Amino acid sequence: MQPEILFQDALELLKALIATASFSWQEENTAALIHDFLKKNNIAALREQNNIWAFNKNFRPELPTILLNSHHDTVKPNKDWTKDPFTPYVADNKLYGLGSNDAGGCLVSLIATFRHFYSHENLKYNLVLAATAEEEVSGVNGLESIIPQLGPLEFAIVGEPTQMHLAIAEKGLLVLDCLVKGTSGHAAREEGENAIYKALPDINWFQSFKFPVESEFLGPVKMTVTIIQAGTQHNVVPDSCAFTVDVRVTDAYTPEEVLEIIKTHVTCAVEPRSLRLKPSRISKETPIVQAGLALGRELYGSPTTSDQALLAVPSLKLGPGDSARSHTADEFIYLSEIEEGIQLYIQLLNKILFK
């Protein structure tokens, strides 16, 4: 199929996605759009809840499979938008609209790439395309829920805006709810045991502790106290202090290892919300990374979490657009970025798909 047709179809699909609200947990209409688009282009697509996936036409069970994945849910627009977030608007080579950059441009570029290879014969790998839901909220009914139906996977390309550079490592996320108990009393007298004061040493520890091992691409584990809740009124010594810690885990540790280290250093009760969102790393020596380097792409580590965190296989985060534009007012993606994204995805896979 001609590259110009792939690009134009991708652009029209992205405009349709922008015009259709798809907040996390409410993606049924964009799921229908994607499903219908694939069927209209003679691609047999499957759907479960708001997740759509399809295998290449000449799928061979004996071959390893590459996953091409991106998400179609969005965050809600913030109050600073000056344009209608649901009206796709093109000006100065930019397509404006909610989800245009994160991650609509990546998704439609991967769909175009999948269409390019869909009917090819004698590939070294199978391909499976998955357009998934609930990425922005790390939901359980997104990519994670359909992985068993995709079969054994060799590795994955996760479409997120990286300026088409290779994010070969990504930080995981560990959110901790911490609680310190004290004893209430009257603030005017020497009564009670102030839970805020008891919490301060632990809060200071989270701020100052340095994990001994740093990641080559992700640097140190980062811990940030983000919420503190204590007290009921000005003249009552608080008997409890609850605080939340955002921990960005690198590939130097597992979330379980980080949690164990934390628990040996603090006195507060520590409860992780989840251990699902793990860090990831793919070797620089893998063929897909070497193919990217041969195309002049740069390697880096990503501090932001994506659906990579839910994959047990090696994965690469790669896509058109710029992560700095994600979740911003008047979000946009350059048309040239989408065109380049399709071309580079195809060039990258050309290097490993054919014998």
Foldseek 3Di string as FASTA:
>chain_A
DDLVVLLVVLVVLLLVLLLDAAAFVRNQVNLVSVCVVCVVVVFDWDDDRSKIKGKAPPDDVVAAEEEEEEESHFHDADPPAPDDQNHFDDDPLKTWHTCAQRFSLQLSLSVSLCSVCRHDPAWRHIYMYMHWGDFVPPDCRTPLVCVVVVPHHQEYEYEHADQQFKAQKEWFKWKKKWKFFKFKDFQVDPDIGARVVLCVVLQVCLVPDWDPDADPFGGTWHKDWDDKDFDDDDGMRTGMIITMMIITHTPVDQPVVVVVVSVVPGDIDIDIPDSQQTMAGDDCPDLLNVLSVVVVHHYHHYHDGGCVSNDPHRYIYGYFHDPVQGSHHRRIGRSVSSSVRSVVVNSSSVSRTHD
